Amino acid sequence: MALAAATLSLCLLLLALVVPGRLAAAAWPARAPSYGLVLWQAVGLVGGLLAIEVALTVALAPLGATHLDAVRAVLDGSAPAAPWWTWLALLLGVAVFARLLWVLVGSAVGTLRARHRHRVMLDLVATRNPLLAGARVVDHEVPLAYCLPGLRPRVVVSRGVLDLLREDEVRAVLAHEGAHVDQRHDLVVLPFVALGSTFPRLPGVRTARAEVALLVEMLADDRAVRHHAPAVLARALYKVGAATVPAGGLAIAGAGGDGVLQRASRLVSPPPPLPPVARAAVVAAALLLLAVPVAGLLIP
């Protein structure tokens, strides 16, 4: 299985070191954020699977010509004695899988707890404004607008936002936050939080996390401008800036400084939609990526 190990390792290096930078530099995801997210999710999922599969392939290599032969040899007891480094590779694969699962579950549980605590606090200190249906208002001078997604979501604006923004801008911001809630963008971001915690030093992982956050904000922007003027939402973005968000929340300025400017420019000067042929090519690329771990099992 030397060829399988080498091929999978090369694919993993490309996904970790080359693809994130190229994809982040591409202009087309801003033209179709949902398709950009599909490709980023494929890159993240396949990258995690390959990190595990490479280690397991190295561990099984002395036991058979293919993965299936090695597993069959282990099950029927005919496998030769494995050298020490195969056990090390096996432990590494199991450790990567356990780490990914642990961080994913831990991130989900921690986020849910943080949201519950913050939701309880909001219910105690926030007030309702009959002119802002569904929103909670907190008496704080810092301009802040965010949502707490989940089964019992909350959309929150501060007094600073109401003092700073015009009425039409406030309503555009609320529409943006409502899009986060309705489309459960928190679930889209969560796997990349797990990847970032598992491989915190990899620049490609940090790039993926930042780009996914930016595309999620663009999706919410696109939903908001269905009912509000793009220039109104852009002005609100410029005014609110990149405020800090409580743990577990998603904010209108969630992508940070440069991302806010990029989103505002995109709203003022919308790029042309991505053609159907290009969208089909993105879906095909994502499917091709997902086929790589499966194909690796068939390579001798």
C-alpha atoms as a PDB file:
ATOM      1  CA  MET A   1       0.000   0.000   0.000  1.00  0.00           C
ATOM      2  CA  ALA A   2       2.982   2.279  -0.483  1.00  0.00           C
ATOM      3  CA  LEU A   3       1.346   3.903  -3.510  1.00  0.00           C
ATOM      4  CA  ALA A   4      -1.862   4.543  -1.532  1.00  0.00           C
ATOM      5  CA  ALA A   5       0.066   6.089   1.353  1.00  0.00           C
ATOM      6  CA  ALA A   6       2.076   8.335  -0.971  1.00  0.00           C
ATOM      7  CA  THR A   7      -0.994   9.403  -2.979  1.00  0.00           C
ATOM      8  CA  LEU A   8      -3.083  10.157   0.083  1.00  0.00           C
ATOM      9  CA  SER A   9      -0.213  12.051   1.717  1.00  0.00           C
ATOM     10  CA  LEU A  10       0.199  14.187  -1.401  1.00  0.00           C
ATOM     11  CA  CYS A  11      -3.529  14.948  -1.460  1.00  0.00           C
ATOM     12  CA  LEU A  12      -3.427  15.863   2.221  1.00  0.00           C
ATOM     13  CA  LEU A  13      -0.482  18.221   1.703  1.00  0.00           C
ATOM     14  CA  LEU A  14      -2.272  19.901  -1.202  1.00  0.00           C
ATOM     15  CA  LEU A  15      -5.443  20.368   0.868  1.00  0.00           C
ATOM     16  CA  ALA A  16      -3.508  21.699   3.854  1.00  0.00           C
ATOM     17  CA  LEU A  17      -0.916  23.908   2.145  1.00  0.00           C
ATOM     18  CA  VAL A  18      -2.090  24.846  -1.351  1.00  0.00           C
ATOM     19  CA  VAL A  19      -5.870  24.667  -1.764  1.00  0.00           C
ATOM     20  CA  PRO A  20      -6.885  27.005   1.122  1.00  0.00           C
ATOM     21  CA  GLY A  21      -4.723  29.852  -0.143  1.00  0.00           C
ATOM     22  CA  ARG A  22      -5.872  29.445  -3.731  1.00  0.00           C
ATOM     23  CA  LEU A  23      -9.526  29.204  -2.758  1.00  0.00           C
ATOM     24  CA  ALA A  24      -9.275  32.210  -0.424  1.00  0.00           C
ATOM     25  CA  ALA A  25      -7.709  34.275  -3.216  1.00  0.00           C
ATOM     26  CA  ALA A  26     -10.433  33.350  -5.717  1.00  0.00           C
ATOM     27  CA  ALA A  27     -13.069  35.970  -6.495  1.00  0.00           C
ATOM     28  CA  TRP A  28     -15.914  33.619  -7.443  1.00  0.00           C
ATOM     29  CA  PRO A  29     -17.033  32.578  -3.896  1.00  0.00           C
ATOM     30  CA  ALA A  30     -18.279  36.131  -3.292  1.00  0.00           C
ATOM     31  CA  ARG A  31     -20.503  35.697  -6.361  1.00  0.00           C
ATOM     32  CA  ALA A  32     -22.068  32.498  -4.969  1.00  0.00           C
ATOM     33  CA  PRO A  33     -21.361  32.192  -1.216  1.00  0.00           C
ATOM     34  CA  SER A  34     -23.433  29.029  -0.766  1.00  0.00           C
ATOM     35  CA  TYR A  35     -21.390  27.228  -3.428  1.00  0.00           C
ATOM     36  CA  GLY A  36     -18.191  28.520  -1.871  1.00  0.00           C
ATOM     37  CA  LEU A  37     -19.289  27.057   1.439  1.00  0.00           C
ATOM     38  CA  VAL A  38     -20.011  23.702  -0.202  1.00  0.00           C
ATOM     39  CA  LEU A  39     -16.455  23.547  -1.520  1.00  0.00           C
ATOM     40  CA  TRP A  40     -14.914  24.700   1.771  1.00  0.00           C
ATOM     41  CA  GLN A  41     -16.913  22.054   3.639  1.00  0.00           C
ATOM     42  CA  ALA A  42     -15.682  19.390   1.227  1.00  0.00           C
ATOM     43  CA  VAL A  43     -12.094  20.574   1.723  1.00  0.00           C
ATOM     44  CA  GLY A  44     -12.455  20.510   5.511  1.00  0.00           C
ATOM     45  CA  LEU A  45     -14.174  17.126   5.659  1.00  0.00           C
ATOM     46  CA  VAL A  46     -11.777  15.432   3.241  1.00  0.00           C
ATOM     47  CA  GLY A  47      -8.765  17.003   4.967  1.00  0.00           C
ATOM     48  CA  GLY A  48      -9.841  15.549   8.311  1.00  0.00           C
ATOM     49  CA  LEU A  49     -10.568  12.129   6.781  1.00  0.00           C
ATOM     50  CA  LEU A  50      -7.247  12.028   4.944  1.00  0.00           C
ATOM     51  CA  ALA A  51      -5.312  12.886   8.103  1.00  0.00           C
ATOM     52  CA  ILE A  52      -6.799   9.745   9.656  1.00  0.00           C
ATOM     53  CA  GLU A  53      -6.608   7.594   6.527  1.00  0.00           C
ATOM     54  CA  VAL A  54      -2.919   8.301   5.861  1.00  0.00           C
ATOM     55  CA  ALA A  55      -1.973   7.102   9.340  1.00  0.00           C
ATOM     56  CA  LEU A  56      -4.145   3.985   9.058  1.00  0.00           C
ATOM     57  CA  THR A  57      -2.773   3.207   5.581  1.00  0.00           C
ATOM     58  CA  VAL A  58       0.790   3.309   6.912  1.00  0.00           C
ATOM     59  CA  ALA A  59      -0.259   1.068   9.801  1.00  0.00           C
ATOM     60  CA  LEU A  60      -1.909  -1.514   7.521  1.00  0.00           C
ATOM     61  CA  ALA A  61       0.759  -1.494   4.777  1.00  0.00           C
ATOM     62  CA  PRO A  62       2.803  -4.462   6.100  1.00  0.00           C
ATOM     63  CA  LEU A  63      -0.325  -6.580   6.553  1.00  0.00           C
ATOM     64  CA  GLY A  64      -1.632  -6.794   2.988  1.00  0.00           C
ATOM     65  CA  ALA A  65      -1.515  -5.456  -0.559  1.00  0.00           C
ATOM     66  CA  THR A  66      -4.706  -3.404  -0.105  1.00  0.00           C
ATOM     67  CA  HIS A  67      -6.739  -2.116   2.806  1.00  0.00           C
ATOM     68  CA  LEU A  68      -9.255  -4.926   2.336  1.00  0.00           C
ATOM     69  CA  ASP A  69      -6.517  -7.598   2.257  1.00  0.00           C
ATOM     70  CA  ALA A  70      -4.936  -6.189   5.414  1.00  0.00           C
ATOM     71  CA  VAL A  71      -8.238  -6.088   7.308  1.00  0.00           C
ATOM     72  CA  ARG A  72      -9.073  -9.628   6.148  1.00  0.00           C
ATOM     73  CA  ALA A  73      -5.665 -10.871   7.290  1.00  0.00           C
ATOM     74  CA  VAL A  74      -6.140  -9.312  10.713  1.00  0.00           C
ATOM     75  CA  LEU A  75      -9.613 -10.824  11.101  1.00  0.00           C
ATOM     76  CA  ASP A  76      -8.613 -14.381  10.118  1.00  0.00           C
ATOM     77  CA  GLY A  77      -5.356 -14.291  12.075  1.00  0.00           C
ATOM     78  CA  SER A  78      -3.044 -14.703   9.086  1.00  0.00           C
ATOM     79  CA  ALA A  79      -1.449 -11.262   9.313  1.00  0.00           C
ATOM     80  CA  PRO A  80       2.348 -11.208   9.721  1.00  0.00           C
ATOM     81  CA  ALA A  81       3.954  -9.657  12.773  1.00  0.00           C
ATOM     82  CA  ALA A  82       3.727  -5.888  12.463  1.00  0.00           C
ATOM     83  CA  PRO A  83       6.803  -3.706  13.026  1.00  0.00           C
ATOM     84  CA  TRP A  84       6.750  -1.144  15.802  1.00  0.00           C
ATOM     85  CA  TRP A  85       6.153   1.821  13.503  1.00  0.00           C
ATOM     86  CA  THR A  86       2.826   0.392  12.319  1.00  0.00           C
ATOM     87  CA  TRP A  87       1.556   0.559  15.887  1.00  0.00           C
ATOM     88  CA  LEU A  88       2.786   4.130  16.128  1.00  0.00           C
ATOM     89  CA  ALA A  89       0.939   5.032  12.926  1.00  0.00           C
ATOM     90  CA  LEU A  90      -2.201   3.295  14.185  1.00  0.00           C
ATOM     91  CA  LEU A  91      -2.070   5.204  17.462  1.00  0.00           C
ATOM     92  CA  LEU A  92      -1.585   8.452  15.537  1.00  0.00           C
ATOM     93  CA  GLY A  93      -4.649   7.793  13.372  1.00  0.00           C
ATOM     94  CA  VAL A  94      -6.774   6.918  16.376  1.00  0.00           C
ATOM     95  CA  ALA A  95      -5.469   9.985  18.226  1.00  0.00           C
ATOM     96  CA  VAL A  96      -6.360  12.322  15.337  1.00  0.00           C
ATOM     97  CA  PHE A  97      -9.856  10.824  15.075  1.00  0.00           C
ATOM     98  CA  ALA A  98     -10.399  11.020  18.840  1.00  0.00           C
ATOM     99  CA  ARG A  99      -9.123  14.598  18.942  1.00  0.00           C
ATOM    100  CA  LEU A 100     -11.416  15.714  16.115  1.00  0.00           C
ATOM    101  CA  LEU A 101     -14.425  14.027  17.702  1.00  0.00           C
ATOM    102  CA  TRP A 102     -13.581  15.319  21.173  1.00  0.00           C
ATOM    103  CA  VAL A 103     -13.105  18.904  20.021  1.00  0.00           C
ATOM    104  CA  LEU A 104     -16.255  18.811  17.870  1.00  0.00           C
ATOM    105  CA  VAL A 105     -18.383  17.511  20.725  1.00  0.00           C
ATOM    106  CA  GLY A 106     -16.644  19.770  23.237  1.00  0.00           C
ATOM    107  CA  SER A 107     -17.125  22.825  21.042  1.00  0.00           C
ATOM    108  CA  ALA A 108     -20.801  22.004  20.562  1.00  0.00           C
ATOM    109  CA  VAL A 109     -21.406  21.434  24.272  1.00  0.00           C
ATOM    110  CA  GLY A 110     -19.423  24.508  25.292  1.00  0.00           C
ATOM    111  CA  THR A 111     -21.254  26.675  22.785  1.00  0.00           C
ATOM    112  CA  LEU A 112     -24.639  25.386  23.927  1.00  0.00           C
ATOM    113  CA  ARG A 113     -23.778  26.093  27.554  1.00  0.00           C
ATOM    114  CA  ALA A 114     -22.507  29.587  26.754  1.00  0.00           C
ATOM    115  CA  ARG A 115     -25.677  30.321  24.792  1.00  0.00           C
ATOM    116  CA  HIS A 116     -27.871  29.052  27.600  1.00  0.00           C
ATOM    117  CA  ARG A 117     -26.116  31.244  30.182  1.00  0.00           C
ATOM    118  CA  HIS A 118     -26.266  34.255  27.910  1.00  0.00           C
ATOM    119  CA  ARG A 119     -29.918  33.595  27.029  1.00  0.00           C
ATOM    120  CA  VAL A 120     -30.837  33.489  30.732  1.00  0.00           C
ATOM    121  CA  MET A 121     -28.973  36.755  31.326  1.00  0.00           C
ATOM    122  CA  LEU A 122     -30.684  38.401  28.363  1.00  0.00           C
ATOM    123  CA  ASP A 123     -34.106  37.367  29.604  1.00  0.00           C
ATOM    124  CA  LEU A 124     -33.293  39.116  32.883  1.00  0.00           C
ATOM    125  CA  VAL A 125     -31.748  42.381  31.662  1.00  0.00           C
ATOM    126  CA  ALA A 126     -32.937  42.908  28.085  1.00  0.00           C
ATOM    127  CA  THR A 127     -36.159  44.646  27.161  1.00  0.00           C
ATOM    128  CA  ARG A 128     -38.510  44.321  24.212  1.00  0.00           C
ATOM    129  CA  ASN A 129     -39.235  47.123  21.801  1.00  0.00           C
ATOM    130  CA  PRO A 130     -42.664  46.905  20.124  1.00  0.00           C
ATOM    131  CA  LEU A 131     -41.159  48.562  17.052  1.00  0.00           C
ATOM    132  CA  LEU A 132     -38.471  45.860  16.757  1.00  0.00           C
ATOM    133  CA  ALA A 133     -40.428  42.618  16.614  1.00  0.00           C
ATOM    134  CA  GLY A 134     -38.488  39.621  17.911  1.00  0.00           C
ATOM    135  CA  ALA A 135     -35.449  41.589  19.082  1.00  0.00           C
ATOM    136  CA  ARG A 136     -34.109  42.123  22.597  1.00  0.00           C
ATOM    137  CA  VAL A 137     -32.591  45.478  23.519  1.00  0.00           C
ATOM    138  CA  VAL A 138     -29.764  45.761  26.059  1.00  0.00           C
ATOM    139  CA  ASP A 139     -28.930  49.060  27.712  1.00  0.00           C
ATOM    140  CA  HIS A 140     -25.324  49.373  26.572  1.00  0.00           C
ATOM    141  CA  GLU A 141     -23.662  52.289  24.821  1.00  0.00           C
ATOM    142  CA  VAL A 142     -21.409  50.130  22.611  1.00  0.00           C
ATOM    143  CA  PRO A 143     -23.069  49.581  19.200  1.00  0.00           C
ATOM    144  CA  LEU A 144     -23.601  45.835  19.038  1.00  0.00           C
ATOM    145  CA  ALA A 145     -25.974  43.595  17.101  1.00  0.00           C
ATOM    146  CA  TYR A 146     -25.835  39.799  17.186  1.00  0.00           C
ATOM    147  CA  CYS A 147     -27.907  36.658  17.472  1.00  0.00           C
ATOM    148  CA  LEU A 148     -27.809  33.562  19.641  1.00  0.00           C
ATOM    149  CA  PRO A 149     -28.853  30.712  17.320  1.00  0.00           C
ATOM    150  CA  GLY A 150     -30.462  27.511  18.514  1.00  0.00           C
ATOM    151  CA  LEU A 151     -33.850  26.065  19.372  1.00  0.00           C
ATOM    152  CA  ARG A 152     -34.684  29.209  21.362  1.00  0.00           C
ATOM    153  CA  PRO A 153     -32.840  31.905  19.406  1.00  0.00           C
ATOM    154  CA  ARG A 154     -32.417  35.515  20.412  1.00  0.00           C
ATOM    155  CA  VAL A 155     -31.656  38.545  18.257  1.00  0.00           C
ATOM    156  CA  VAL A 156     -30.005  41.270  20.310  1.00  0.00           C
ATOM    157  CA  VAL A 157     -29.269  44.945  19.682  1.00  0.00           C
ATOM    158  CA  SER A 158     -27.725  47.419  22.070  1.00  0.00           C
ATOM    159  CA  ARG A 159     -28.915  50.932  22.856  1.00  0.00           C
ATOM    160  CA  GLY A 160     -25.730  52.088  21.123  1.00  0.00           C
ATOM    161  CA  VAL A 161     -26.979  50.602  17.850  1.00  0.00           C
ATOM    162  CA  LEU A 162     -30.357  52.317  18.180  1.00  0.00           C
ATOM    163  CA  ASP A 163     -28.630  55.643  18.885  1.00  0.00           C
ATOM    164  CA  LEU A 164     -26.152  55.255  16.021  1.00  0.00           C
ATOM    165  CA  LEU A 165     -28.224  53.784  13.192  1.00  0.00           C
ATOM    166  CA  ARG A 166     -31.254  55.089  11.358  1.00  0.00           C
ATOM    167  CA  GLU A 167     -34.481  53.122  11.546  1.00  0.00           C
ATOM    168  CA  ASP A 168     -34.052  51.543   8.098  1.00  0.00           C
ATOM    169  CA  GLU A 169     -30.482  50.541   8.978  1.00  0.00           C
ATOM    170  CA  VAL A 170     -31.620  48.917  12.224  1.00  0.00           C
ATOM    171  CA  ARG A 171     -34.233  46.891  10.359  1.00  0.00           C
ATOM    172  CA  ALA A 172     -31.643  45.779   7.781  1.00  0.00           C
ATOM    173  CA  VAL A 173     -29.348  44.649  10.616  1.00  0.00           C
ATOM    174  CA  LEU A 174     -32.195  42.691  12.226  1.00  0.00           C
ATOM    175  CA  ALA A 175     -32.923  41.010   8.888  1.00  0.00           C
ATOM    176  CA  HIS A 176     -29.258  40.011   8.671  1.00  0.00           C
ATOM    177  CA  GLU A 177     -29.318  38.472  12.137  1.00  0.00           C
ATOM    178  CA  GLY A 178     -32.620  36.765  11.392  1.00  0.00           C
ATOM    179  CA  ALA A 179     -30.954  35.087   8.400  1.00  0.00           C
ATOM    180  CA  HIS A 180     -28.283  33.642  10.697  1.00  0.00           C
ATOM    181  CA  VAL A 181     -31.004  32.218  12.919  1.00  0.00           C
ATOM    182  CA  ASP A 182     -33.203  30.820  10.149  1.00  0.00           C
ATOM    183  CA  GLN A 183     -30.377  29.238   8.150  1.00  0.00           C
ATOM    184  CA  ARG A 184     -28.507  27.874  11.218  1.00  0.00           C
ATOM    185  CA  HIS A 185     -25.178  29.287  10.149  1.00  0.00           C
ATOM    186  CA  ASP A 186     -23.753  28.325  13.534  1.00  0.00           C
ATOM    187  CA  LEU A 187     -23.839  24.675  12.441  1.00  0.00           C
ATOM    188  CA  VAL A 188     -21.895  25.541   9.286  1.00  0.00           C
ATOM    189  CA  VAL A 189     -19.112  27.197  11.276  1.00  0.00           C
ATOM    190  CA  LEU A 190     -18.855  24.581  14.051  1.00  0.00           C
ATOM    191  CA  PRO A 191     -16.812  21.888  12.178  1.00  0.00           C
ATOM    192  CA  PHE A 192     -14.212  24.484  11.224  1.00  0.00           C
ATOM    193  CA  VAL A 193     -13.939  25.528  14.866  1.00  0.00           C
ATOM    194  CA  ALA A 194     -13.114  21.877  15.635  1.00  0.00           C
ATOM    195  CA  LEU A 195     -10.520  21.746  12.851  1.00  0.00           C
ATOM    196  CA  GLY A 196      -8.982  24.988  14.077  1.00  0.00           C
ATOM    197  CA  SER A 197      -8.691  23.633  17.618  1.00  0.00           C
ATOM    198  CA  THR A 198      -7.232  20.326  16.411  1.00  0.00           C
ATOM    199  CA  PHE A 199      -4.671  21.864  14.023  1.00  0.00           C
ATOM    200  CA  PRO A 200      -4.224  25.394  15.419  1.00  0.00           C
ATOM    201  CA  ARG A 201      -0.800  25.980  13.807  1.00  0.00           C
ATOM    202  CA  LEU A 202      -1.775  25.130  10.235  1.00  0.00           C
ATOM    203  CA  PRO A 203      -2.188  28.332   8.184  1.00  0.00           C
ATOM    204  CA  GLY A 204      -4.581  26.533   5.827  1.00  0.00           C
ATOM    205  CA  VAL A 205      -6.932  25.680   8.675  1.00  0.00           C
ATOM    206  CA  ARG A 206      -6.909  29.271   9.933  1.00  0.00           C
ATOM    207  CA  THR A 207      -7.598  30.469   6.399  1.00  0.00           C
ATOM    208  CA  ALA A 208     -10.506  28.053   6.015  1.00  0.00           C
ATOM    209  CA  ARG A 209     -12.054  29.165   9.291  1.00  0.00           C
ATOM    210  CA  ALA A 210     -11.822  32.853   8.374  1.00  0.00           C
ATOM    211  CA  GLU A 211     -13.179  32.335   4.848  1.00  0.00           C
ATOM    212  CA  VAL A 212     -16.121  30.231   6.053  1.00  0.00           C
ATOM    213  CA  ALA A 213     -17.012  32.948   8.570  1.00  0.00           C
ATOM    214  CA  LEU A 214     -16.874  35.558   5.802  1.00  0.00           C
ATOM    215  CA  LEU A 215     -19.055  33.522   3.412  1.00  0.00           C
ATOM    216  CA  VAL A 216     -21.625  32.915   6.152  1.00  0.00           C
ATOM    217  CA  GLU A 217     -21.873  36.672   6.671  1.00  0.00           C
ATOM    218  CA  MET A 218     -22.272  37.186   2.919  1.00  0.00           C
ATOM    219  CA  LEU A 219     -25.129  34.679   2.885  1.00  0.00           C
ATOM    220  CA  ALA A 220     -26.874  36.600   5.656  1.00  0.00           C
ATOM    221  CA  ASP A 221     -26.243  39.853   3.775  1.00  0.00           C
ATOM    222  CA  ASP A 222     -27.846  38.396   0.635  1.00  0.00           C
ATOM    223  CA  ARG A 223     -30.898  37.297   2.607  1.00  0.00           C
ATOM    224  CA  ALA A 224     -31.255  40.726   4.236  1.00  0.00           C
ATOM    225  CA  VAL A 225     -31.098  42.686   0.980  1.00  0.00           C
ATOM    226  CA  ARG A 226     -34.078  40.791  -0.399  1.00  0.00           C
ATOM    227  CA  HIS A 227     -36.229  43.183   1.623  1.00  0.00           C
ATOM    228  CA  HIS A 228     -33.844  46.074   2.351  1.00  0.00           C
ATOM    229  CA  ALA A 229     -31.732  48.308   0.143  1.00  0.00           C
ATOM    230  CA  PRO A 230     -28.122  47.062  -0.153  1.00  0.00           C
ATOM    231  CA  ALA A 231     -26.779  50.581   0.460  1.00  0.00           C
ATOM    232  CA  VAL A 232     -28.669  50.732   3.756  1.00  0.00           C
ATOM    233  CA  LEU A 233     -27.098  47.507   5.025  1.00  0.00           C
ATOM    234  CA  ALA A 234     -23.672  48.640   3.785  1.00  0.00           C
ATOM    235  CA  ARG A 235     -23.971  51.882   5.781  1.00  0.00           C
ATOM    236  CA  ALA A 236     -24.904  49.892   8.871  1.00  0.00           C
ATOM    237  CA  LEU A 237     -21.832  47.680   8.396  1.00  0.00           C
ATOM    238  CA  TYR A 238     -19.552  50.706   8.195  1.00  0.00           C
ATOM    239  CA  LYS A 239     -21.100  52.232  11.327  1.00  0.00           C
ATOM    240  CA  VAL A 240     -21.215  49.142  13.521  1.00  0.00           C
ATOM    241  CA  GLY A 241     -17.708  47.956  12.609  1.00  0.00           C
ATOM    242  CA  ALA A 242     -16.125  44.844  14.137  1.00  0.00           C
ATOM    243  CA  ALA A 243     -17.556  44.712  17.642  1.00  0.00           C
ATOM    244  CA  THR A 244     -16.788  41.829  20.004  1.00  0.00           C
ATOM    245  CA  VAL A 245     -19.509  39.180  20.201  1.00  0.00           C
ATOM    246  CA  PRO A 246     -20.405  37.085  23.269  1.00  0.00           C
ATOM    247  CA  ALA A 247     -19.449  33.397  23.127  1.00  0.00           C
ATOM    248  CA  GLY A 248     -21.768  31.398  20.900  1.00  0.00           C
ATOM    249  CA  GLY A 249     -23.136  34.424  19.063  1.00  0.00           C
ATOM    250  CA  LEU A 250     -23.056  35.485  15.431  1.00  0.00           C
ATOM    251  CA  ALA A 251     -22.797  39.197  14.691  1.00  0.00           C
ATOM    252  CA  ILE A 252     -23.308  41.397  11.672  1.00  0.00           C
ATOM    253  CA  ALA A 253     -19.631  42.353  11.858  1.00  0.00           C
ATOM    254  CA  GLY A 254     -18.557  38.785  12.569  1.00  0.00           C
ATOM    255  CA  ALA A 255     -15.997  38.504   9.750  1.00  0.00           C
ATOM    256  CA  GLY A 256     -13.819  41.278  11.190  1.00  0.00           C
ATOM    257  CA  GLY A 257     -12.271  44.480   9.802  1.00  0.00           C
ATOM    258  CA  ASP A 258     -11.243  43.645   6.229  1.00  0.00           C
ATOM    259  CA  GLY A 259     -14.215  41.314   5.862  1.00  0.00           C
ATOM    260  CA  VAL A 260     -16.625  44.110   6.791  1.00  0.00           C
ATOM    261  CA  LEU A 261     -15.126  46.374   4.120  1.00  0.00           C
ATOM    262  CA  GLN A 262     -15.268  43.579   1.552  1.00  0.00           C
ATOM    263  CA  ARG A 263     -18.905  42.845   2.361  1.00  0.00           C
ATOM    264  CA  ALA A 264     -19.898  46.507   2.265  1.00  0.00           C
ATOM    265  CA  SER A 265     -18.195  46.956  -1.118  1.00  0.00           C
ATOM    266  CA  ARG A 266     -19.949  43.839  -2.377  1.00  0.00           C
ATOM    267  CA  LEU A 267     -23.306  45.264  -1.301  1.00  0.00           C
ATOM    268  CA  VAL A 268     -22.693  48.631  -2.960  1.00  0.00           C
ATOM    269  CA  SER A 269     -21.250  47.122  -6.172  1.00  0.00           C
ATOM    270  CA  PRO A 270     -22.700  43.599  -6.433  1.00  0.00           C
ATOM    271  CA  PRO A 271     -20.626  41.171  -8.527  1.00  0.00           C
ATOM    272  CA  PRO A 272     -22.370  39.306 -11.349  1.00  0.00           C
ATOM    273  CA  PRO A 273     -23.956  35.978 -10.348  1.00  0.00           C
ATOM    274  CA  LEU A 274     -21.941  32.843 -10.945  1.00  0.00           C
ATOM    275  CA  PRO A 275     -23.074  31.181 -14.198  1.00  0.00           C
ATOM    276  CA  PRO A 276     -24.850  27.800 -13.979  1.00  0.00           C
ATOM    277  CA  VAL A 277     -21.916  26.042 -15.664  1.00  0.00           C
ATOM    278  CA  ALA A 278     -19.513  27.384 -13.041  1.00  0.00           C
ATOM    279  CA  ARG A 279     -21.869  26.350 -10.230  1.00  0.00           C
ATOM    280  CA  ALA A 280     -22.032  22.844 -11.675  1.00  0.00           C
ATOM    281  CA  ALA A 281     -18.227  22.792 -11.828  1.00  0.00           C
ATOM    282  CA  VAL A 282     -18.023  23.722  -8.124  1.00  0.00           C
ATOM    283  CA  VAL A 283     -20.410  20.894  -7.190  1.00  0.00           C
ATOM    284  CA  ALA A 284     -18.407  18.480  -9.358  1.00  0.00           C
ATOM    285  CA  ALA A 285     -15.171  19.581  -7.657  1.00  0.00           C
ATOM    286  CA  ALA A 286     -16.707  19.008  -4.225  1.00  0.00           C
ATOM    287  CA  LEU A 287     -17.901  15.525  -5.245  1.00  0.00           C
ATOM    288  CA  LEU A 288     -14.483  14.729  -6.676  1.00  0.00           C
ATOM    289  CA  LEU A 289     -12.867  15.741  -3.409  1.00  0.00           C
ATOM    290  CA  LEU A 290     -15.257  13.550  -1.425  1.00  0.00           C
ATOM    291  CA  ALA A 291     -14.326  10.608  -3.654  1.00  0.00           C
ATOM    292  CA  VAL A 292     -10.608  10.878  -2.786  1.00  0.00           C
ATOM    293  CA  PRO A 293     -10.770   9.046   0.593  1.00  0.00           C
ATOM    294  CA  VAL A 294     -12.876   6.277  -0.993  1.00  0.00           C
ATOM    295  CA  ALA A 295     -10.484   5.946  -3.925  1.00  0.00           C
ATOM    296  CA  GLY A 296      -7.588   5.714  -1.485  1.00  0.00           C
ATOM    297  CA  LEU A 297      -9.022   2.478  -0.123  1.00  0.00           C
ATOM    298  CA  LEU A 298      -8.797   0.905  -3.587  1.00  0.00           C
ATOM    299  CA  ILE A 299      -5.201   1.895  -4.410  1.00  0.00           C
ATOM    300  CA  PRO A 300      -2.686  -0.912  -3.711  1.00  0.00           C
END
